[in-house]
Amino acid sequence: MTLIIGPEAEAHLDWIALSDAIEAGHKMPRAEIDDTFLYRGDDTLLSRAAWIDGLGQLVKTATIFPGNKEVGKPAINGGVCLFSDEDGTLEAIVDFHLLTKWKTAGDSLLAARKLARPDAKRILLVGAGNVAASLVEAYSAAFPEAEFTIWNRSPAKAATFAARYPGMEVARDLEEAAGAADIIGTATMATDPVLAGKWLSEGTHLDLIGAYRPDMREVDDDTLRRARVFVDSRATTLGHIGELKIPLEAGVFFESDVVGDFYEMESLTRGDEREITLCKNGGGAHLDLMVARYILDAVRAR
């Protein structure tokens, strides 16, 4: 029987267990993945498919219409189908927004658990949208003593966001806030870098999430030069997302500069306390598959 899993399933989910499931998924046979991107101006139709032997198959289609925000509609929508590894039957239709929330933040949470300093206490969020809200939940699970600061191009939106979380501060100066942070999570729609490498203090960890198109970047070349760079998946980031694609094509960054990805989990370690680490969250249907399977298993267990 096909299960329809909606937002109510969130009550059964746990951020640490989720990131553990993502790590475990990368110890299984390497996923076969295929992505299709279609564009119309600023709008994007993204279809992603994955097959992991032993875990199943998944197809996720997302529509990204930035202009929706102007009329009070979600900018990102879509649908998710999870299929049985045993016989290919449709096991579950998973709520797109539920899966996207937990996949996106869980991806970066795993990177932060591996690469951020264990004593990290100051977390800066850049961007005040839905992803930033999920990062508050995810980071809080692994760094319960952390204090959060939010920065957004619109100070009013940052203030509205911060009002939802007691004790959260609003950064007026991004350079100052970045220099004081132990962890920085970026979730913007920027096409030009908003963070400069020269602002970063030793020991900082960055989770870059926002850029998903070939023309999008959130950090400058100097950030890449100063940091040990990791990605969640080489296959879905290097040739596809401007964060790395643009500096690669310009010859200021090289594929060999990427230390490792989630399929090389042993490489995701911090060298010393002063090192700046960076992980580009590019997503991918294989991650959606791992998270969808975790969600289905959690629902069945309860």
C-alpha atoms as a PDB file:
ATOM      1  CA  MET A   1       0.000   0.000   0.000  1.00  0.00           C
ATOM      2  CA  THR A   2       1.291   3.444  -0.903  1.00  0.00           C
ATOM      3  CA  LEU A   3       1.622   5.753   2.092  1.00  0.00           C
ATOM      4  CA  ILE A   4       0.955   9.465   1.752  1.00  0.00           C
ATOM      5  CA  ILE A   5       3.254  11.234   4.196  1.00  0.00           C
ATOM      6  CA  GLY A   6       2.358  14.803   5.100  1.00  0.00           C
ATOM      7  CA  PRO A   7       3.754  17.505   7.385  1.00  0.00           C
ATOM      8  CA  GLU A   8       2.350  15.740  10.458  1.00  0.00           C
ATOM      9  CA  ALA A   9       5.177  13.195  10.141  1.00  0.00           C
ATOM     10  CA  GLU A  10       7.575  15.823  11.456  1.00  0.00           C
ATOM     11  CA  ALA A  11       6.575  14.891  15.008  1.00  0.00           C
ATOM     12  CA  HIS A  12       8.347  11.554  14.509  1.00  0.00           C
ATOM     13  CA  LEU A  13      11.646  12.942  13.178  1.00  0.00           C
ATOM     14  CA  ASP A  14      14.919  13.735  14.923  1.00  0.00           C
ATOM     15  CA  TRP A  15      17.746  15.853  13.494  1.00  0.00           C
ATOM     16  CA  ILE A  16      20.622  13.808  14.899  1.00  0.00           C
ATOM     17  CA  ALA A  17      19.063  10.527  13.790  1.00  0.00           C
ATOM     18  CA  LEU A  18      18.480  12.044  10.357  1.00  0.00           C
ATOM     19  CA  SER A  19      22.098  13.122   9.898  1.00  0.00           C
ATOM     20  CA  ASP A  20      23.192   9.671  11.059  1.00  0.00           C
ATOM     21  CA  ALA A  21      20.919   8.169   8.395  1.00  0.00           C
ATOM     22  CA  ILE A  22      22.520  10.372   5.731  1.00  0.00           C
ATOM     23  CA  GLU A  23      25.963   9.225   6.831  1.00  0.00           C
ATOM     24  CA  ALA A  24      24.837   5.584   6.759  1.00  0.00           C
ATOM     25  CA  GLY A  25      23.368   6.057   3.298  1.00  0.00           C
ATOM     26  CA  HIS A  26      26.763   7.062   1.975  1.00  0.00           C
ATOM     27  CA  LYS A  27      28.215   3.747   3.153  1.00  0.00           C
ATOM     28  CA  MET A  28      25.862   1.903   0.805  1.00  0.00           C
ATOM     29  CA  PRO A  29      26.605   1.373  -2.905  1.00  0.00           C
ATOM     30  CA  ARG A  30      27.161   4.689  -4.671  1.00  0.00           C
ATOM     31  CA  ALA A  31      23.937   6.177  -5.990  1.00  0.00           C
ATOM     32  CA  GLU A  32      23.067   6.440  -9.627  1.00  0.00           C
ATOM     33  CA  ILE A  33      21.698   9.933 -10.159  1.00  0.00           C
ATOM     34  CA  ASP A  34      20.398  12.038 -12.997  1.00  0.00           C
ATOM     35  CA  ASP A  35      19.317  15.675 -12.964  1.00  0.00           C
ATOM     36  CA  THR A  36      17.386  17.720 -15.485  1.00  0.00           C
ATOM     37  CA  PHE A  37      17.260  21.508 -15.311  1.00  0.00           C
ATOM     38  CA  LEU A  38      14.918  23.598 -17.430  1.00  0.00           C
ATOM     39  CA  TYR A  39      14.829  27.385 -17.279  1.00  0.00           C
ATOM     40  CA  ARG A  40      12.453  30.190 -18.215  1.00  0.00           C
ATOM     41  CA  GLY A  41      13.969  33.470 -17.193  1.00  0.00           C
ATOM     42  CA  ASP A  42      14.356  33.352 -13.418  1.00  0.00           C
ATOM     43  CA  ASP A  43      12.099  30.286 -13.133  1.00  0.00           C
ATOM     44  CA  THR A  44      13.500  26.764 -12.866  1.00  0.00           C
ATOM     45  CA  LEU A  45      12.071  23.261 -13.309  1.00  0.00           C
ATOM     46  CA  LEU A  46      14.381  20.777 -11.611  1.00  0.00           C
ATOM     47  CA  SER A  47      13.817  17.028 -11.805  1.00  0.00           C
ATOM     48  CA  ARG A  48      16.100  14.709  -9.871  1.00  0.00           C
ATOM     49  CA  ALA A  49      16.170  10.916  -9.833  1.00  0.00           C
ATOM     50  CA  ALA A  50      18.249   8.512  -7.742  1.00  0.00           C
ATOM     51  CA  TRP A  51      18.679   4.767  -7.330  1.00  0.00           C
ATOM     52  CA  ILE A  52      20.645   3.256  -4.459  1.00  0.00           C
ATOM     53  CA  ASP A  53      20.940  -0.509  -4.449  1.00  0.00           C
ATOM     54  CA  GLY A  54      19.424  -1.668  -1.171  1.00  0.00           C
ATOM     55  CA  LEU A  55      17.580   1.588  -0.475  1.00  0.00           C
ATOM     56  CA  GLY A  56      15.227   2.105  -3.405  1.00  0.00           C
ATOM     57  CA  GLN A  57      14.506   4.697  -6.050  1.00  0.00           C
ATOM     58  CA  LEU A  58      13.214   8.252  -5.841  1.00  0.00           C
ATOM     59  CA  VAL A  59      12.051  10.939  -8.221  1.00  0.00           C
ATOM     60  CA  LYS A  60      11.715  14.517  -7.005  1.00  0.00           C
ATOM     61  CA  THR A  61      10.538  17.387  -9.163  1.00  0.00           C
ATOM     62  CA  ALA A  62      10.798  20.975  -7.970  1.00  0.00           C
ATOM     63  CA  THR A  63       9.479  24.198  -9.467  1.00  0.00           C
ATOM     64  CA  ILE A  64      11.340  27.323  -8.398  1.00  0.00           C
ATOM     65  CA  PHE A  65       9.502  30.565  -9.167  1.00  0.00           C
ATOM     66  CA  PRO A  66      11.194  33.441  -7.261  1.00  0.00           C
ATOM     67  CA  GLY A  67       8.445  35.857  -8.280  1.00  0.00           C
ATOM     68  CA  ASN A  68       5.923  33.950  -6.191  1.00  0.00           C
ATOM     69  CA  LYS A  69       7.190  35.729  -3.103  1.00  0.00           C
ATOM     70  CA  GLU A  70       5.759  39.014  -4.367  1.00  0.00           C
ATOM     71  CA  VAL A  71       2.251  37.585  -4.291  1.00  0.00           C
ATOM     72  CA  GLY A  72       2.600  35.685  -1.031  1.00  0.00           C
ATOM     73  CA  LYS A  73       3.107  32.221  -2.516  1.00  0.00           C
ATOM     74  CA  PRO A  74       5.946  29.755  -1.821  1.00  0.00           C
ATOM     75  CA  ALA A  75       8.803  30.189  -4.294  1.00  0.00           C
ATOM     76  CA  ILE A  76       9.573  26.460  -4.321  1.00  0.00           C
ATOM     77  CA  ASN A  77       7.029  23.685  -4.848  1.00  0.00           C
ATOM     78  CA  GLY A  78       7.065  20.139  -6.175  1.00  0.00           C
ATOM     79  CA  GLY A  79       6.384  16.462  -5.607  1.00  0.00           C
ATOM     80  CA  VAL A  80       8.271  13.362  -4.373  1.00  0.00           C
ATOM     81  CA  CYS A  81       7.774   9.655  -5.138  1.00  0.00           C
ATOM     82  CA  LEU A  82       9.667   6.925  -3.249  1.00  0.00           C
ATOM     83  CA  PHE A  83       9.813   3.455  -4.812  1.00  0.00           C
ATOM     84  CA  SER A  84      10.549   0.026  -3.329  1.00  0.00           C
ATOM     85  CA  ASP A  85      14.005  -1.414  -3.840  1.00  0.00           C
ATOM     86  CA  GLU A  86      12.501  -4.895  -3.822  1.00  0.00           C
ATOM     87  CA  ASP A  87       9.919  -4.614  -6.602  1.00  0.00           C
ATOM     88  CA  GLY A  88       9.797  -1.003  -7.809  1.00  0.00           C
ATOM     89  CA  THR A  89       6.319  -0.338  -6.492  1.00  0.00           C
ATOM     90  CA  LEU A  90       5.404   3.122  -5.209  1.00  0.00           C
ATOM     91  CA  GLU A  91       5.940   2.965  -1.445  1.00  0.00           C
ATOM     92  CA  ALA A  92       5.283   6.560  -0.495  1.00  0.00           C
ATOM     93  CA  ILE A  93       4.344   9.989  -1.749  1.00  0.00           C
ATOM     94  CA  VAL A  94       6.224  12.309   0.564  1.00  0.00           C
ATOM     95  CA  ASP A  95       5.289  15.922   1.206  1.00  0.00           C
ATOM     96  CA  PHE A  96       7.714  17.976  -0.876  1.00  0.00           C
ATOM     97  CA  HIS A  97       8.238  20.729   1.684  1.00  0.00           C
ATOM     98  CA  LEU A  98       8.733  18.278   4.555  1.00  0.00           C
ATOM     99  CA  LEU A  99      11.381  16.342   2.642  1.00  0.00           C
ATOM    100  CA  THR A 100      13.122  19.456   1.338  1.00  0.00           C
ATOM    101  CA  LYS A 101      13.322  21.011   4.794  1.00  0.00           C
ATOM    102  CA  TRP A 102      14.838  17.949   6.438  1.00  0.00           C
ATOM    103  CA  LYS A 103      17.123  17.070   3.516  1.00  0.00           C
ATOM    104  CA  THR A 104      18.520  20.590   3.141  1.00  0.00           C
ATOM    105  CA  ALA A 105      19.180  21.330   6.801  1.00  0.00           C
ATOM    106  CA  GLY A 106      20.161  17.735   7.594  1.00  0.00           C
ATOM    107  CA  ASP A 107      22.793  17.821   4.841  1.00  0.00           C
ATOM    108  CA  SER A 108      24.465  20.868   6.366  1.00  0.00           C
ATOM    109  CA  LEU A 109      23.998  19.574   9.900  1.00  0.00           C
ATOM    110  CA  LEU A 110      26.032  16.488   9.016  1.00  0.00           C
ATOM    111  CA  ALA A 111      28.794  18.715   7.612  1.00  0.00           C
ATOM    112  CA  ALA A 112      28.781  20.885  10.734  1.00  0.00           C
ATOM    113  CA  ARG A 113      28.915  17.853  13.038  1.00  0.00           C
ATOM    114  CA  LYS A 114      32.002  16.669  11.168  1.00  0.00           C
ATOM    115  CA  LEU A 115      33.781  19.966  10.474  1.00  0.00           C
ATOM    116  CA  ALA A 116      32.757  22.654  12.972  1.00  0.00           C
ATOM    117  CA  ARG A 117      34.587  22.971  16.267  1.00  0.00           C
ATOM    118  CA  PRO A 118      32.727  20.943  18.935  1.00  0.00           C
ATOM    119  CA  ASP A 119      32.699  23.999  21.195  1.00  0.00           C
ATOM    120  CA  ALA A 120      31.109  26.280  18.554  1.00  0.00           C
ATOM    121  CA  LYS A 121      28.744  28.684  20.293  1.00  0.00           C
ATOM    122  CA  ARG A 122      28.154  31.594  17.902  1.00  0.00           C
ATOM    123  CA  ILE A 123      26.125  30.782  14.808  1.00  0.00           C
ATOM    124  CA  LEU A 124      25.428  33.335  12.087  1.00  0.00           C
ATOM    125  CA  LEU A 125      22.602  32.775   9.633  1.00  0.00           C
ATOM    126  CA  VAL A 126      22.789  34.739   6.385  1.00  0.00           C
ATOM    127  CA  GLY A 127      19.334  34.965   4.847  1.00  0.00           C
ATOM    128  CA  ALA A 128      16.022  34.993   6.723  1.00  0.00           C
ATOM    129  CA  GLY A 129      13.853  32.548   4.784  1.00  0.00           C
ATOM    130  CA  ASN A 130      12.495  29.071   5.421  1.00  0.00           C
ATOM    131  CA  VAL A 131      15.907  27.406   5.168  1.00  0.00           C
ATOM    132  CA  ALA A 132      17.278  29.639   7.914  1.00  0.00           C
ATOM    133  CA  ALA A 133      14.395  28.580  10.155  1.00  0.00           C
ATOM    134  CA  SER A 134      15.175  24.899   9.601  1.00  0.00           C
ATOM    135  CA  LEU A 135      18.859  25.583  10.307  1.00  0.00           C
ATOM    136  CA  VAL A 136      17.946  26.982  13.717  1.00  0.00           C
ATOM    137  CA  GLU A 137      16.295  23.650  14.536  1.00  0.00           C
ATOM    138  CA  ALA A 138      19.060  21.503  13.053  1.00  0.00           C
ATOM    139  CA  TYR A 139      22.046  23.356  14.486  1.00  0.00           C
ATOM    140  CA  SER A 140      20.365  23.566  17.903  1.00  0.00           C
ATOM    141  CA  ALA A 141      20.183  19.762  18.017  1.00  0.00           C
ATOM    142  CA  ALA A 142      23.972  19.430  17.710  1.00  0.00           C
ATOM    143  CA  PHE A 143      25.039  22.695  19.376  1.00  0.00           C
ATOM    144  CA  PRO A 144      22.442  23.194  22.128  1.00  0.00           C
ATOM    145  CA  GLU A 145      24.371  26.006  23.819  1.00  0.00           C
ATOM    146  CA  ALA A 146      24.754  28.043  20.644  1.00  0.00           C
ATOM    147  CA  GLU A 147      23.612  31.632  20.321  1.00  0.00           C
ATOM    148  CA  PHE A 148      22.185  32.729  16.963  1.00  0.00           C
ATOM    149  CA  THR A 149      22.571  35.919  14.967  1.00  0.00           C
ATOM    150  CA  ILE A 150      20.614  36.631  11.782  1.00  0.00           C
ATOM    151  CA  TRP A 151      21.559  38.915   8.894  1.00  0.00           C
ATOM    152  CA  ASN A 152      19.399  39.705   5.893  1.00  0.00           C
ATOM    153  CA  ARG A 153      19.553  42.317   3.152  1.00  0.00           C
ATOM    154  CA  SER A 154      16.280  43.604   4.577  1.00  0.00           C
ATOM    155  CA  PRO A 155      16.863  44.532   8.241  1.00  0.00           C
ATOM    156  CA  ALA A 156      13.090  44.534   8.798  1.00  0.00           C
ATOM    157  CA  LYS A 157      12.812  40.927   7.616  1.00  0.00           C
ATOM    158  CA  ALA A 158      15.750  39.959   9.822  1.00  0.00           C
ATOM    159  CA  ALA A 159      14.047  41.584  12.810  1.00  0.00           C
ATOM    160  CA  THR A 160      10.789  39.754  12.095  1.00  0.00           C
ATOM    161  CA  PHE A 161      12.685  36.472  11.849  1.00  0.00           C
ATOM    162  CA  ALA A 162      14.625  37.067  15.081  1.00  0.00           C
ATOM    163  CA  ALA A 163      11.428  37.874  16.981  1.00  0.00           C
ATOM    164  CA  ARG A 164      10.406  34.218  16.561  1.00  0.00           C
ATOM    165  CA  TYR A 165      13.414  33.031  18.565  1.00  0.00           C
ATOM    166  CA  PRO A 166      14.105  34.342  22.081  1.00  0.00           C
ATOM    167  CA  GLY A 167      17.657  35.618  22.398  1.00  0.00           C
ATOM    168  CA  MET A 168      18.410  35.769  18.689  1.00  0.00           C
ATOM    169  CA  GLU A 169      20.266  38.917  17.672  1.00  0.00           C
ATOM    170  CA  VAL A 170      20.032  40.884  14.431  1.00  0.00           C
ATOM    171  CA  ALA A 171      23.345  41.728  12.775  1.00  0.00           C
ATOM    172  CA  ARG A 172      23.529  45.225  11.374  1.00  0.00           C
ATOM    173  CA  ASP A 173      27.024  44.792   9.948  1.00  0.00           C
ATOM    174  CA  LEU A 174      27.666  41.522   8.100  1.00  0.00           C
ATOM    175  CA  GLU A 175      31.446  41.877   8.151  1.00  0.00           C
ATOM    176  CA  GLU A 176      31.496  42.232  11.919  1.00  0.00           C
ATOM    177  CA  ALA A 177      29.039  39.382  12.424  1.00  0.00           C
ATOM    178  CA  ALA A 178      30.968  37.048  10.119  1.00  0.00           C
ATOM    179  CA  GLY A 179      34.204  37.771  11.946  1.00  0.00           C
ATOM    180  CA  ALA A 180      32.636  36.842  15.288  1.00  0.00           C
ATOM    181  CA  ALA A 181      30.947  33.608  14.142  1.00  0.00           C
ATOM    182  CA  ASP A 182      32.021  30.027  14.814  1.00  0.00           C
ATOM    183  CA  ILE A 183      29.543  28.641  12.271  1.00  0.00           C
ATOM    184  CA  ILE A 184      28.043  30.498   9.310  1.00  0.00           C
ATOM    185  CA  GLY A 185      25.074  29.079   7.423  1.00  0.00           C
ATOM    186  CA  THR A 186      24.188  30.901   4.206  1.00  0.00           C
ATOM    187  CA  ALA A 187      20.778  30.536   2.591  1.00  0.00           C
ATOM    188  CA  THR A 188      20.317  33.416   0.154  1.00  0.00           C
ATOM    189  CA  MET A 189      19.302  33.822  -3.476  1.00  0.00           C
ATOM    190  CA  ALA A 190      22.483  35.789  -4.219  1.00  0.00           C
ATOM    191  CA  THR A 191      24.087  35.781  -7.656  1.00  0.00           C
ATOM    192  CA  ASP A 192      27.025  37.858  -6.420  1.00  0.00           C
ATOM    193  CA  PRO A 193      29.021  36.987  -3.275  1.00  0.00           C
ATOM    194  CA  VAL A 194      27.694  38.394  -0.010  1.00  0.00           C
ATOM    195  CA  LEU A 195      30.530  37.041   2.161  1.00  0.00           C
ATOM    196  CA  ALA A 196      34.211  37.960   1.821  1.00  0.00           C
ATOM    197  CA  GLY A 197      37.015  35.653   2.863  1.00  0.00           C
ATOM    198  CA  LYS A 198      38.935  38.478   4.501  1.00  0.00           C
ATOM    199  CA  TRP A 199      36.144  38.831   7.076  1.00  0.00           C
ATOM    200  CA  LEU A 200      36.488  35.300   8.449  1.00  0.00           C
ATOM    201  CA  SER A 201      38.202  34.446  11.704  1.00  0.00           C
ATOM    202  CA  GLU A 202      40.335  31.365  12.246  1.00  0.00           C
ATOM    203  CA  GLY A 203      38.350  28.287  13.219  1.00  0.00           C
ATOM    204  CA  THR A 204      35.143  29.250  11.413  1.00  0.00           C
ATOM    205  CA  HIS A 205      33.019  26.647   9.635  1.00  0.00           C
ATOM    206  CA  LEU A 206      30.782  27.645   6.698  1.00  0.00           C
ATOM    207  CA  ASP A 207      27.775  25.762   5.346  1.00  0.00           C
ATOM    208  CA  LEU A 208      26.871  27.195   1.942  1.00  0.00           C
ATOM    209  CA  ILE A 209      23.322  26.342   0.908  1.00  0.00           C
ATOM    210  CA  GLY A 210      21.665  29.051  -1.163  1.00  0.00           C
ATOM    211  CA  ALA A 211      23.331  28.826  -4.582  1.00  0.00           C
ATOM    212  CA  TYR A 212      21.789  26.188  -6.826  1.00  0.00           C
ATOM    213  CA  ARG A 213      22.145  27.640 -10.347  1.00  0.00           C
ATOM    214  CA  PRO A 214      25.248  28.129 -12.511  1.00  0.00           C
ATOM    215  CA  ASP A 215      25.010  31.911 -12.042  1.00  0.00           C
ATOM    216  CA  MET A 216      24.698  31.932  -8.241  1.00  0.00           C
ATOM    217  CA  ARG A 217      27.384  32.509  -5.596  1.00  0.00           C
ATOM    218  CA  GLU A 218      27.365  33.412  -1.903  1.00  0.00           C
ATOM    219  CA  VAL A 219      31.119  33.683  -1.146  1.00  0.00           C
ATOM    220  CA  ASP A 220      34.061  35.204  -2.996  1.00  0.00           C
ATOM    221  CA  ASP A 221      37.230  33.597  -4.349  1.00  0.00           C
ATOM    222  CA  ASP A 222      39.200  34.564  -1.259  1.00  0.00           C
ATOM    223  CA  THR A 223      36.861  32.486   0.915  1.00  0.00           C
ATOM    224  CA  LEU A 224      37.654  29.421  -1.184  1.00  0.00           C
ATOM    225  CA  ARG A 225      41.391  30.160  -0.985  1.00  0.00           C
ATOM    226  CA  ARG A 226      41.365  30.467   2.806  1.00  0.00           C
ATOM    227  CA  ALA A 227      39.201  27.432   3.556  1.00  0.00           C
ATOM    228  CA  ARG A 228      39.554  23.665   3.317  1.00  0.00           C
ATOM    229  CA  VAL A 229      36.702  23.032   0.903  1.00  0.00           C
ATOM    230  CA  PHE A 230      34.306  20.078   1.018  1.00  0.00           C
ATOM    231  CA  VAL A 231      31.106  19.315  -0.875  1.00  0.00           C
ATOM    232  CA  ASP A 232      28.227  16.972  -0.161  1.00  0.00           C
ATOM    233  CA  SER A 233      28.543  15.561  -3.689  1.00  0.00           C
ATOM    234  CA  ARG A 234      31.130  16.286  -6.339  1.00  0.00           C
ATOM    235  CA  ALA A 235      28.666  15.111  -8.992  1.00  0.00           C
ATOM    236  CA  THR A 236      26.000  17.703  -8.160  1.00  0.00           C
ATOM    237  CA  THR A 237      28.158  20.722  -7.335  1.00  0.00           C
ATOM    238  CA  LEU A 238      31.364  21.162  -9.327  1.00  0.00           C
ATOM    239  CA  GLY A 239      29.956  21.473 -12.829  1.00  0.00           C
ATOM    240  CA  HIS A 240      26.509  22.729 -11.920  1.00  0.00           C
ATOM    241  CA  ILE A 241      26.563  25.421  -9.234  1.00  0.00           C
ATOM    242  CA  GLY A 242      28.171  28.816  -9.667  1.00  0.00           C
ATOM    243  CA  GLU A 243      29.645  28.734  -6.168  1.00  0.00           C
ATOM    244  CA  LEU A 244      32.361  26.431  -7.540  1.00  0.00           C
ATOM    245  CA  LYS A 245      31.688  26.374 -11.284  1.00  0.00           C
ATOM    246  CA  ILE A 246      32.511  30.069 -11.786  1.00  0.00           C
ATOM    247  CA  PRO A 247      35.893  30.027  -9.957  1.00  0.00           C
ATOM    248  CA  LEU A 248      36.735  26.690 -11.612  1.00  0.00           C
ATOM    249  CA  GLU A 249      36.179  28.178 -15.058  1.00  0.00           C
ATOM    250  CA  ALA A 250      38.157  31.292 -14.075  1.00  0.00           C
ATOM    251  CA  GLY A 251      41.131  29.157 -13.019  1.00  0.00           C
ATOM    252  CA  VAL A 252      41.206  30.492  -9.448  1.00  0.00           C
ATOM    253  CA  PHE A 253      39.978  27.220  -7.953  1.00  0.00           C
ATOM    254  CA  PHE A 254      40.604  23.614  -9.014  1.00  0.00           C
ATOM    255  CA  GLU A 255      38.743  20.333  -8.566  1.00  0.00           C
ATOM    256  CA  SER A 256      41.775  19.027  -6.681  1.00  0.00           C
ATOM    257  CA  ASP A 257      41.155  21.759  -4.086  1.00  0.00           C
ATOM    258  CA  VAL A 258      38.034  19.903  -2.935  1.00  0.00           C
ATOM    259  CA  VAL A 259      39.219  17.765  -0.027  1.00  0.00           C
ATOM    260  CA  GLY A 260      36.310  15.329  -0.082  1.00  0.00           C
ATOM    261  CA  ASP A 261      32.584  14.705  -0.256  1.00  0.00           C
ATOM    262  CA  PHE A 262      30.106  12.590   1.708  1.00  0.00           C
ATOM    263  CA  TYR A 263      31.167   9.441  -0.137  1.00  0.00           C
ATOM    264  CA  GLU A 264      34.624  10.071   1.314  1.00  0.00           C
ATOM    265  CA  MET A 265      33.333  10.489   4.856  1.00  0.00           C
ATOM    266  CA  GLU A 266      36.710   9.743   6.420  1.00  0.00           C
ATOM    267  CA  SER A 267      38.012  12.957   4.830  1.00  0.00           C
ATOM    268  CA  LEU A 268      35.458  15.145   6.620  1.00  0.00           C
ATOM    269  CA  THR A 269      37.633  16.094   9.541  1.00  0.00           C
ATOM    270  CA  ARG A 270      38.990  19.319  10.952  1.00  0.00           C
ATOM    271  CA  GLY A 271      42.776  19.594  10.834  1.00  0.00           C
ATOM    272  CA  ASP A 272      43.158  21.955  13.789  1.00  0.00           C
ATOM    273  CA  GLU A 273      41.263  24.548  15.791  1.00  0.00           C
ATOM    274  CA  ARG A 274      42.428  27.446  13.622  1.00  0.00           C
ATOM    275  CA  GLU A 275      41.415  25.967  10.292  1.00  0.00           C
ATOM    276  CA  ILE A 276      38.577  27.504   8.279  1.00  0.00           C
ATOM    277  CA  THR A 277      36.327  24.795   6.838  1.00  0.00           C
ATOM    278  CA  LEU A 278      33.639  25.112   4.180  1.00  0.00           C
ATOM    279  CA  CYS A 279      31.084  22.648   2.856  1.00  0.00           C
ATOM    280  CA  LYS A 280      28.943  23.367  -0.196  1.00  0.00           C
ATOM    281  CA  ASN A 281      25.474  21.892   0.138  1.00  0.00           C
ATOM    282  CA  GLY A 282      24.440  21.072  -3.419  1.00  0.00           C
ATOM    283  CA  GLY A 283      21.787  18.516  -2.615  1.00  0.00           C
ATOM    284  CA  GLY A 284      20.976  15.766  -5.066  1.00  0.00           C
ATOM    285  CA  ALA A 285      18.321  13.116  -5.454  1.00  0.00           C
ATOM    286  CA  HIS A 286      20.470  10.555  -3.641  1.00  0.00           C
ATOM    287  CA  LEU A 287      20.208  12.713  -0.511  1.00  0.00           C
ATOM    288  CA  ASP A 288      16.461  13.060  -1.030  1.00  0.00           C
ATOM    289  CA  LEU A 289      16.275   9.267  -1.280  1.00  0.00           C
ATOM    290  CA  MET A 290      18.222   8.735   1.941  1.00  0.00           C
ATOM    291  CA  VAL A 291      16.052  11.254   3.801  1.00  0.00           C
ATOM    292  CA  ALA A 292      12.770   9.993   2.322  1.00  0.00           C
ATOM    293  CA  ARG A 293      13.680   6.469   3.402  1.00  0.00           C
ATOM    294  CA  TYR A 294      14.502   7.754   6.902  1.00  0.00           C
ATOM    295  CA  ILE A 295      11.140   9.554   7.061  1.00  0.00           C
ATOM    296  CA  LEU A 296       9.211   6.487   5.875  1.00  0.00           C
ATOM    297  CA  ASP A 297      11.015   4.238   8.361  1.00  0.00           C
ATOM    298  CA  ALA A 298      10.331   6.714  11.195  1.00  0.00           C
ATOM    299  CA  VAL A 299       6.635   6.871  10.319  1.00  0.00           C
ATOM    300  CA  ARG A 300       6.338   3.086  10.126  1.00  0.00           C
ATOM    301  CA  ALA A 301       8.160   2.682  13.449  1.00  0.00           C
ATOM    302  CA  ARG A 302       5.640   4.927  15.207  1.00  0.00           C
END
